[in-house]
């Protein structure tokens, strides 16, 4: 009778324990005292639980990694961080990074890291921590054409930081470009964007139909990359210009571009 009661009591206690997810965890080396194997040179342990087939071999017979969906786990819970996806794409001269992470994971936010050398030296490129409530994407506007970058995102908490898989993105070369202003026609202001293939002195000037300079928006050295200037429709004296057609001219080195814009009052 005592034995039967003990079995019932133990069964009751086991029913109160959280279920262990059958999955494959990639965790920082040292998180678990035993189990799993050490990824060579990576500082990670790949910890395999029951029921998970080997999707891809990382190193050795026991080190397996399921590509495309994997977990970073800590000892405080079954799954602390789960990155379901991480991708990058080129959009308007910038790199748009997006990821999907577990909504129930116990972390404070995200950091985005970038490497541009073969040694894989990552540097954080975001300023403040990206909040977990609203953070699932980041736009790298400092990426330059003709470069190859490697990105990764880190999930930060008080216990540490866990990283996603790396994403490599090669950006094709791009010449110096002047874009059409937006909006156009406009009132009261418009945005003028341009891309510089190399750093150097730049001028961006607004002209009327007679060829007279109305307003200088940019005059000085600028680094390579995408830049934006705002014209509020006023001249150098701060007065509103009349409705009509105007031109804006970009001079970068020996190259000049001219486009037309329209003010509608």
C-alpha atoms as a PDB file:
ATOM      1  CA  UNK A   1       0.000   0.000   0.000  1.00  0.00           C
ATOM      2  CA  UNK A   2       2.814   2.376   0.878  1.00  0.00           C
ATOM      3  CA  UNK A   3       4.544   1.540  -2.387  1.00  0.00           C
ATOM      4  CA  UNK A   4       1.388   2.220  -4.357  1.00  0.00           C
ATOM      5  CA  UNK A   5       0.873   5.552  -2.590  1.00  0.00           C
ATOM      6  CA  UNK A   6       4.471   6.502  -3.258  1.00  0.00           C
ATOM      7  CA  UNK A   7       4.064   5.737  -6.966  1.00  0.00           C
ATOM      8  CA  UNK A   8       0.896   7.827  -7.137  1.00  0.00           C
ATOM      9  CA  UNK A   9       2.587  10.701  -5.301  1.00  0.00           C
ATOM     10  CA  UNK A  10       5.631  10.618  -7.623  1.00  0.00           C
ATOM     11  CA  UNK A  11       3.357  10.530 -10.665  1.00  0.00           C
ATOM     12  CA  UNK A  12       1.550  13.590  -9.321  1.00  0.00           C
ATOM     13  CA  UNK A  13       4.856  15.450  -8.852  1.00  0.00           C
ATOM     14  CA  UNK A  14       5.999  14.575 -12.360  1.00  0.00           C
ATOM     15  CA  UNK A  15       2.733  15.910 -13.767  1.00  0.00           C
ATOM     16  CA  UNK A  16       3.568  19.315 -12.282  1.00  0.00           C
ATOM     17  CA  UNK A  17       6.916  19.538 -14.088  1.00  0.00           C
ATOM     18  CA  UNK A  18       7.018  21.409 -17.433  1.00  0.00           C
ATOM     19  CA  UNK A  19       7.204  19.244 -20.520  1.00  0.00           C
ATOM     20  CA  UNK A  20      10.587  19.153 -22.194  1.00  0.00           C
ATOM     21  CA  UNK A  21      10.406  20.151 -25.838  1.00  0.00           C
ATOM     22  CA  UNK A  22      11.856  17.613 -28.221  1.00  0.00           C
ATOM     23  CA  UNK A  23      14.113  19.859 -30.221  1.00  0.00           C
ATOM     24  CA  UNK A  24      17.697  20.658 -30.960  1.00  0.00           C
ATOM     25  CA  UNK A  25      19.421  23.363 -28.966  1.00  0.00           C
ATOM     26  CA  UNK A  26      22.485  25.387 -29.869  1.00  0.00           C
ATOM     27  CA  UNK A  27      23.846  26.854 -26.648  1.00  0.00           C
ATOM     28  CA  UNK A  28      26.911  28.704 -25.500  1.00  0.00           C
ATOM     29  CA  UNK A  29      29.806  26.458 -24.531  1.00  0.00           C
ATOM     30  CA  UNK A  30      29.685  25.776 -20.790  1.00  0.00           C
ATOM     31  CA  UNK A  31      25.936  26.174 -20.334  1.00  0.00           C
ATOM     32  CA  UNK A  32      25.512  22.427 -19.813  1.00  0.00           C
ATOM     33  CA  UNK A  33      27.822  20.407 -17.605  1.00  0.00           C
ATOM     34  CA  UNK A  34      27.617  17.421 -19.917  1.00  0.00           C
ATOM     35  CA  UNK A  35      25.918  16.202 -23.038  1.00  0.00           C
ATOM     36  CA  UNK A  36      26.329  17.381 -26.577  1.00  0.00           C
ATOM     37  CA  UNK A  37      29.560  18.003 -28.395  1.00  0.00           C
ATOM     38  CA  UNK A  38      31.720  21.099 -28.824  1.00  0.00           C
ATOM     39  CA  UNK A  39      31.695  22.777 -32.192  1.00  0.00           C
ATOM     40  CA  UNK A  40      35.312  23.149 -33.309  1.00  0.00           C
ATOM     41  CA  UNK A  41      36.449  26.772 -33.030  1.00  0.00           C
ATOM     42  CA  UNK A  42      32.938  28.064 -32.482  1.00  0.00           C
ATOM     43  CA  UNK A  43      32.588  28.012 -28.712  1.00  0.00           C
ATOM     44  CA  UNK A  44      29.196  26.334 -29.005  1.00  0.00           C
ATOM     45  CA  UNK A  45      27.731  23.075 -27.788  1.00  0.00           C
ATOM     46  CA  UNK A  46      25.135  21.356 -29.934  1.00  0.00           C
ATOM     47  CA  UNK A  47      22.804  19.607 -27.483  1.00  0.00           C
ATOM     48  CA  UNK A  48      20.558  17.014 -29.079  1.00  0.00           C
ATOM     49  CA  UNK A  49      17.386  15.837 -27.392  1.00  0.00           C
ATOM     50  CA  UNK A  50      15.356  12.750 -28.206  1.00  0.00           C
ATOM     51  CA  UNK A  51      13.332  12.539 -31.371  1.00  0.00           C
ATOM     52  CA  UNK A  52      15.314  15.069 -33.417  1.00  0.00           C
ATOM     53  CA  UNK A  53      16.772  13.725 -36.670  1.00  0.00           C
ATOM     54  CA  UNK A  54      20.135  14.940 -37.849  1.00  0.00           C
ATOM     55  CA  UNK A  55      19.586  17.588 -40.502  1.00  0.00           C
ATOM     56  CA  UNK A  56      23.177  18.585 -41.157  1.00  0.00           C
ATOM     57  CA  UNK A  57      26.509  17.573 -39.712  1.00  0.00           C
ATOM     58  CA  UNK A  58      28.555  20.369 -38.137  1.00  0.00           C
ATOM     59  CA  UNK A  59      31.579  18.445 -36.875  1.00  0.00           C
ATOM     60  CA  UNK A  60      31.913  14.819 -35.913  1.00  0.00           C
ATOM     61  CA  UNK A  61      29.308  12.117 -35.651  1.00  0.00           C
ATOM     62  CA  UNK A  62      27.491  13.536 -32.624  1.00  0.00           C
ATOM     63  CA  UNK A  63      27.473  17.213 -33.577  1.00  0.00           C
ATOM     64  CA  UNK A  64      24.390  17.932 -35.630  1.00  0.00           C
ATOM     65  CA  UNK A  65      22.664  21.182 -36.472  1.00  0.00           C
ATOM     66  CA  UNK A  66      19.220  21.677 -37.878  1.00  0.00           C
ATOM     67  CA  UNK A  67      19.531  24.481 -40.386  1.00  0.00           C
ATOM     68  CA  UNK A  68      16.770  27.030 -40.800  1.00  0.00           C
ATOM     69  CA  UNK A  69      15.268  26.581 -37.342  1.00  0.00           C
ATOM     70  CA  UNK A  70      17.284  26.210 -34.175  1.00  0.00           C
ATOM     71  CA  UNK A  71      17.202  27.268 -30.547  1.00  0.00           C
ATOM     72  CA  UNK A  72      19.597  29.037 -28.219  1.00  0.00           C
ATOM     73  CA  UNK A  73      18.826  27.654 -24.782  1.00  0.00           C
ATOM     74  CA  UNK A  74      19.880  28.555 -21.260  1.00  0.00           C
ATOM     75  CA  UNK A  75      19.674  26.607 -18.040  1.00  0.00           C
ATOM     76  CA  UNK A  76      16.843  28.749 -16.661  1.00  0.00           C
ATOM     77  CA  UNK A  77      14.206  27.465 -19.067  1.00  0.00           C
ATOM     78  CA  UNK A  78      13.678  24.966 -21.826  1.00  0.00           C
ATOM     79  CA  UNK A  79      13.953  27.556 -24.565  1.00  0.00           C
ATOM     80  CA  UNK A  80      15.246  31.048 -23.809  1.00  0.00           C
ATOM     81  CA  UNK A  81      15.722  32.297 -27.357  1.00  0.00           C
ATOM     82  CA  UNK A  82      14.390  30.808 -30.581  1.00  0.00           C
ATOM     83  CA  UNK A  83      15.358  32.377 -33.922  1.00  0.00           C
ATOM     84  CA  UNK A  84      13.062  30.946 -36.559  1.00  0.00           C
ATOM     85  CA  UNK A  85      14.601  33.017 -39.359  1.00  0.00           C
ATOM     86  CA  UNK A  86      17.178  35.689 -40.140  1.00  0.00           C
ATOM     87  CA  UNK A  87      17.578  37.215 -43.608  1.00  0.00           C
ATOM     88  CA  UNK A  88      18.955  40.283 -45.376  1.00  0.00           C
ATOM     89  CA  UNK A  89      18.116  42.029 -48.633  1.00  0.00           C
ATOM     90  CA  UNK A  90      19.215  45.136 -50.514  1.00  0.00           C
ATOM     91  CA  UNK A  91      16.558  47.847 -50.561  1.00  0.00           C
ATOM     92  CA  UNK A  92      17.060  51.446 -51.730  1.00  0.00           C
ATOM     93  CA  UNK A  93      20.860  51.451 -51.294  1.00  0.00           C
ATOM     94  CA  UNK A  94      20.501  50.038 -47.787  1.00  0.00           C
ATOM     95  CA  UNK A  95      20.455  46.547 -46.286  1.00  0.00           C
ATOM     96  CA  UNK A  96      17.187  45.504 -44.665  1.00  0.00           C
ATOM     97  CA  UNK A  97      17.673  42.815 -42.011  1.00  0.00           C
ATOM     98  CA  UNK A  98      14.703  40.945 -40.611  1.00  0.00           C
ATOM     99  CA  UNK A  99      14.323  38.107 -38.144  1.00  0.00           C
ATOM    100  CA  UNK A 100      11.736  36.128 -36.260  1.00  0.00           C
ATOM    101  CA  UNK A 101      12.215  35.166 -32.626  1.00  0.00           C
ATOM    102  CA  UNK A 102      10.195  33.469 -29.915  1.00  0.00           C
ATOM    103  CA  UNK A 103       7.663  35.854 -28.376  1.00  0.00           C
ATOM    104  CA  UNK A 104       7.876  34.057 -25.031  1.00  0.00           C
ATOM    105  CA  UNK A 105      11.669  34.156 -24.724  1.00  0.00           C
ATOM    106  CA  UNK A 106      13.099  35.972 -21.713  1.00  0.00           C
ATOM    107  CA  UNK A 107      15.320  38.634 -23.251  1.00  0.00           C
ATOM    108  CA  UNK A 108      15.284  42.435 -23.283  1.00  0.00           C
ATOM    109  CA  UNK A 109      15.984  43.248 -26.915  1.00  0.00           C
ATOM    110  CA  UNK A 110      18.232  42.839 -29.953  1.00  0.00           C
ATOM    111  CA  UNK A 111      21.607  44.023 -31.193  1.00  0.00           C
ATOM    112  CA  UNK A 112      22.748  43.874 -34.808  1.00  0.00           C
ATOM    113  CA  UNK A 113      26.366  43.060 -35.645  1.00  0.00           C
ATOM    114  CA  UNK A 114      28.306  43.394 -38.905  1.00  0.00           C
ATOM    115  CA  UNK A 115      31.642  42.069 -40.089  1.00  0.00           C
ATOM    116  CA  UNK A 116      33.527  43.102 -43.213  1.00  0.00           C
ATOM    117  CA  UNK A 117      36.754  41.172 -42.866  1.00  0.00           C
ATOM    118  CA  UNK A 118      37.749  37.540 -43.311  1.00  0.00           C
ATOM    119  CA  UNK A 119      38.542  37.197 -39.599  1.00  0.00           C
ATOM    120  CA  UNK A 120      34.887  37.677 -38.752  1.00  0.00           C
ATOM    121  CA  UNK A 121      35.381  40.599 -36.375  1.00  0.00           C
ATOM    122  CA  UNK A 122      31.820  41.718 -35.618  1.00  0.00           C
ATOM    123  CA  UNK A 123      30.974  45.299 -34.650  1.00  0.00           C
ATOM    124  CA  UNK A 124      27.592  46.394 -33.283  1.00  0.00           C
ATOM    125  CA  UNK A 125      25.972  48.834 -35.722  1.00  0.00           C
ATOM    126  CA  UNK A 126      22.770  49.734 -33.872  1.00  0.00           C
ATOM    127  CA  UNK A 127      22.836  52.518 -31.283  1.00  0.00           C
ATOM    128  CA  UNK A 128      20.394  51.779 -28.496  1.00  0.00           C
ATOM    129  CA  UNK A 129      19.117  48.276 -27.820  1.00  0.00           C
ATOM    130  CA  UNK A 130      16.268  47.393 -30.196  1.00  0.00           C
ATOM    131  CA  UNK A 131      13.244  46.686 -27.947  1.00  0.00           C
ATOM    132  CA  UNK A 132      11.869  43.158 -28.100  1.00  0.00           C
ATOM    133  CA  UNK A 133       8.298  44.482 -28.229  1.00  0.00           C
ATOM    134  CA  UNK A 134       8.810  46.216 -31.567  1.00  0.00           C
ATOM    135  CA  UNK A 135      12.121  44.949 -32.868  1.00  0.00           C
ATOM    136  CA  UNK A 136      12.186  42.399 -35.661  1.00  0.00           C
ATOM    137  CA  UNK A 137      14.009  44.357 -38.349  1.00  0.00           C
ATOM    138  CA  UNK A 138      16.852  46.810 -38.820  1.00  0.00           C
ATOM    139  CA  UNK A 139      17.991  48.899 -41.802  1.00  0.00           C
ATOM    140  CA  UNK A 140      21.738  49.306 -42.304  1.00  0.00           C
ATOM    141  CA  UNK A 141      22.021  52.601 -44.168  1.00  0.00           C
ATOM    142  CA  UNK A 142      25.836  52.653 -43.849  1.00  0.00           C
ATOM    143  CA  UNK A 143      26.348  49.653 -46.148  1.00  0.00           C
ATOM    144  CA  UNK A 144      28.400  50.534 -49.232  1.00  0.00           C
ATOM    145  CA  UNK A 145      28.056  49.255 -52.785  1.00  0.00           C
ATOM    146  CA  UNK A 146      30.710  46.788 -53.880  1.00  0.00           C
ATOM    147  CA  UNK A 147      31.210  45.453 -50.339  1.00  0.00           C
ATOM    148  CA  UNK A 148      30.428  42.046 -48.857  1.00  0.00           C
ATOM    149  CA  UNK A 149      29.124  42.033 -45.296  1.00  0.00           C
ATOM    150  CA  UNK A 150      28.349  39.310 -42.785  1.00  0.00           C
ATOM    151  CA  UNK A 151      25.522  40.065 -40.346  1.00  0.00           C
ATOM    152  CA  UNK A 152      24.198  38.452 -37.208  1.00  0.00           C
ATOM    153  CA  UNK A 153      21.634  39.475 -34.618  1.00  0.00           C
ATOM    154  CA  UNK A 154      22.062  39.025 -30.886  1.00  0.00           C
ATOM    155  CA  UNK A 155      19.282  38.529 -28.354  1.00  0.00           C
ATOM    156  CA  UNK A 156      20.335  40.355 -25.196  1.00  0.00           C
ATOM    157  CA  UNK A 157      19.283  39.654 -21.613  1.00  0.00           C
ATOM    158  CA  UNK A 158      20.738  40.183 -18.158  1.00  0.00           C
ATOM    159  CA  UNK A 159      22.136  36.651 -18.254  1.00  0.00           C
ATOM    160  CA  UNK A 160      24.031  37.193 -21.506  1.00  0.00           C
ATOM    161  CA  UNK A 161      23.597  37.472 -25.256  1.00  0.00           C
ATOM    162  CA  UNK A 162      22.757  34.754 -27.769  1.00  0.00           C
ATOM    163  CA  UNK A 163      23.446  35.033 -31.478  1.00  0.00           C
ATOM    164  CA  UNK A 164      21.679  33.983 -34.638  1.00  0.00           C
ATOM    165  CA  UNK A 165      23.260  32.260 -37.565  1.00  0.00           C
ATOM    166  CA  UNK A 166      25.341  34.506 -39.843  1.00  0.00           C
ATOM    167  CA  UNK A 167      23.967  35.969 -43.057  1.00  0.00           C
ATOM    168  CA  UNK A 168      26.385  37.023 -45.818  1.00  0.00           C
ATOM    169  CA  UNK A 169      25.319  39.680 -48.308  1.00  0.00           C
ATOM    170  CA  UNK A 170      27.301  40.903 -51.338  1.00  0.00           C
ATOM    171  CA  UNK A 171      26.240  44.374 -52.488  1.00  0.00           C
ATOM    172  CA  UNK A 172      26.821  45.020 -56.204  1.00  0.00           C
ATOM    173  CA  UNK A 173      28.802  48.108 -57.280  1.00  0.00           C
ATOM    174  CA  UNK A 174      26.770  51.257 -57.871  1.00  0.00           C
ATOM    175  CA  UNK A 175      27.712  54.543 -59.568  1.00  0.00           C
ATOM    176  CA  UNK A 176      27.017  58.002 -58.154  1.00  0.00           C
ATOM    177  CA  UNK A 177      23.285  58.584 -58.583  1.00  0.00           C
ATOM    178  CA  UNK A 178      20.833  61.464 -58.186  1.00  0.00           C
ATOM    179  CA  UNK A 179      17.272  60.369 -57.451  1.00  0.00           C
ATOM    180  CA  UNK A 180      13.991  62.038 -58.318  1.00  0.00           C
ATOM    181  CA  UNK A 181      12.718  64.140 -55.456  1.00  0.00           C
ATOM    182  CA  UNK A 182       9.733  62.953 -53.445  1.00  0.00           C
ATOM    183  CA  UNK A 183       7.021  64.050 -53.339  1.00  0.00           C
ATOM    184  CA  UNK A 184       6.849  65.778 -56.698  1.00  0.00           C
ATOM    185  CA  UNK A 185       4.978  68.084 -57.197  1.00  0.00           C
ATOM    186  CA  UNK A 186       5.259  69.177 -53.572  1.00  0.00           C
ATOM    187  CA  UNK A 187       4.127  71.645 -50.947  1.00  0.00           C
ATOM    188  CA  UNK A 188       5.565  72.644 -48.537  1.00  0.00           C
ATOM    189  CA  UNK A 189       8.739  70.469 -48.640  1.00  0.00           C
ATOM    190  CA  UNK A 190      10.383  67.686 -50.604  1.00  0.00           C
ATOM    191  CA  UNK A 191      13.170  65.149 -50.088  1.00  0.00           C
ATOM    192  CA  UNK A 192      16.127  64.861 -52.492  1.00  0.00           C
ATOM    193  CA  UNK A 193      18.284  61.732 -52.218  1.00  0.00           C
ATOM    194  CA  UNK A 194      21.609  60.962 -53.859  1.00  0.00           C
ATOM    195  CA  UNK A 195      24.167  58.179 -53.706  1.00  0.00           C
ATOM    196  CA  UNK A 196      27.943  58.711 -53.748  1.00  0.00           C
ATOM    197  CA  UNK A 197      30.144  55.904 -55.041  1.00  0.00           C
ATOM    198  CA  UNK A 198      33.166  57.444 -53.323  1.00  0.00           C
ATOM    199  CA  UNK A 199      33.748  60.174 -50.715  1.00  0.00           C
ATOM    200  CA  UNK A 200      34.465  63.690 -51.852  1.00  0.00           C
ATOM    201  CA  UNK A 201      33.196  67.282 -52.216  1.00  0.00           C
ATOM    202  CA  UNK A 202      29.529  67.609 -53.161  1.00  0.00           C
ATOM    203  CA  UNK A 203      27.179  70.443 -53.997  1.00  0.00           C
ATOM    204  CA  UNK A 204      23.409  70.307 -54.391  1.00  0.00           C
ATOM    205  CA  UNK A 205      21.802  73.527 -55.632  1.00  0.00           C
ATOM    206  CA  UNK A 206      18.248  74.535 -56.575  1.00  0.00           C
ATOM    207  CA  UNK A 207      17.835  76.692 -59.724  1.00  0.00           C
ATOM    208  CA  UNK A 208      14.868  78.495 -61.266  1.00  0.00           C
ATOM    209  CA  UNK A 209      13.916  78.234 -64.969  1.00  0.00           C
ATOM    210  CA  UNK A 210      16.188  81.202 -65.760  1.00  0.00           C
ATOM    211  CA  UNK A 211      19.227  79.380 -64.396  1.00  0.00           C
ATOM    212  CA  UNK A 212      19.604  81.549 -61.289  1.00  0.00           C
ATOM    213  CA  UNK A 213      20.583  79.808 -58.056  1.00  0.00           C
ATOM    214  CA  UNK A 214      17.717  79.789 -55.555  1.00  0.00           C
ATOM    215  CA  UNK A 215      19.022  77.716 -52.663  1.00  0.00           C
ATOM    216  CA  UNK A 216      22.160  75.697 -51.838  1.00  0.00           C
ATOM    217  CA  UNK A 217      21.232  72.550 -49.918  1.00  0.00           C
ATOM    218  CA  UNK A 218      24.620  70.804 -49.748  1.00  0.00           C
ATOM    219  CA  UNK A 219      28.107  72.240 -50.095  1.00  0.00           C
ATOM    220  CA  UNK A 220      30.994  70.258 -48.624  1.00  0.00           C
ATOM    221  CA  UNK A 221      32.665  66.879 -48.320  1.00  0.00           C
ATOM    222  CA  UNK A 222      30.466  63.810 -47.871  1.00  0.00           C
ATOM    223  CA  UNK A 223      31.324  60.142 -47.266  1.00  0.00           C
ATOM    224  CA  UNK A 224      30.386  57.431 -49.737  1.00  0.00           C
ATOM    225  CA  UNK A 225      26.846  56.120 -49.450  1.00  0.00           C
ATOM    226  CA  UNK A 226      23.289  57.383 -49.581  1.00  0.00           C
ATOM    227  CA  UNK A 227      22.413  60.917 -48.459  1.00  0.00           C
ATOM    228  CA  UNK A 228      19.215  62.941 -48.253  1.00  0.00           C
ATOM    229  CA  UNK A 229      18.575  66.696 -48.320  1.00  0.00           C
ATOM    230  CA  UNK A 230      15.273  68.446 -47.584  1.00  0.00           C
ATOM    231  CA  UNK A 231      14.121  71.559 -49.438  1.00  0.00           C
ATOM    232  CA  UNK A 232      11.368  73.542 -47.729  1.00  0.00           C
ATOM    233  CA  UNK A 233      10.610  75.585 -50.841  1.00  0.00           C
ATOM    234  CA  UNK A 234      12.380  78.700 -49.539  1.00  0.00           C
ATOM    235  CA  UNK A 235      15.210  80.731 -51.074  1.00  0.00           C
ATOM    236  CA  UNK A 236      18.483  81.721 -49.432  1.00  0.00           C
ATOM    237  CA  UNK A 237      16.742  84.661 -47.767  1.00  0.00           C
ATOM    238  CA  UNK A 238      14.159  82.396 -46.110  1.00  0.00           C
ATOM    239  CA  UNK A 239      11.264  83.531 -48.298  1.00  0.00           C
ATOM    240  CA  UNK A 240       8.771  81.198 -49.923  1.00  0.00           C
ATOM    241  CA  UNK A 241       9.384  80.718 -53.634  1.00  0.00           C
ATOM    242  CA  UNK A 242       6.560  80.939 -56.163  1.00  0.00           C
ATOM    243  CA  UNK A 243       4.770  77.984 -57.692  1.00  0.00           C
ATOM    244  CA  UNK A 244       6.354  76.591 -60.815  1.00  0.00           C
ATOM    245  CA  UNK A 245       9.165  74.480 -62.239  1.00  0.00           C
ATOM    246  CA  UNK A 246      12.620  74.397 -60.656  1.00  0.00           C
ATOM    247  CA  UNK A 247      15.770  72.332 -61.210  1.00  0.00           C
ATOM    248  CA  UNK A 248      18.180  70.741 -58.771  1.00  0.00           C
ATOM    249  CA  UNK A 249      21.775  69.972 -59.728  1.00  0.00           C
ATOM    250  CA  UNK A 250      24.197  67.618 -58.015  1.00  0.00           C
ATOM    251  CA  UNK A 251      27.933  68.067 -58.621  1.00  0.00           C
ATOM    252  CA  UNK A 252      30.155  65.276 -57.276  1.00  0.00           C
ATOM    253  CA  UNK A 253      33.746  65.415 -58.453  1.00  0.00           C
ATOM    254  CA  UNK A 254      33.700  65.664 -62.243  1.00  0.00           C
ATOM    255  CA  UNK A 255      30.142  64.348 -62.493  1.00  0.00           C
ATOM    256  CA  UNK A 256      26.988  66.487 -62.556  1.00  0.00           C
ATOM    257  CA  UNK A 257      23.307  65.512 -62.600  1.00  0.00           C
ATOM    258  CA  UNK A 258      20.224  67.699 -63.109  1.00  0.00           C
ATOM    259  CA  UNK A 259      16.560  66.879 -62.461  1.00  0.00           C
ATOM    260  CA  UNK A 260      13.310  68.837 -62.493  1.00  0.00           C
ATOM    261  CA  UNK A 261      10.888  69.449 -59.625  1.00  0.00           C
ATOM    262  CA  UNK A 262       7.622  71.343 -59.285  1.00  0.00           C
ATOM    263  CA  UNK A 263       6.170  73.476 -56.484  1.00  0.00           C
ATOM    264  CA  UNK A 264       2.371  73.762 -56.239  1.00  0.00           C
ATOM    265  CA  UNK A 265       1.168  76.418 -53.791  1.00  0.00           C
END
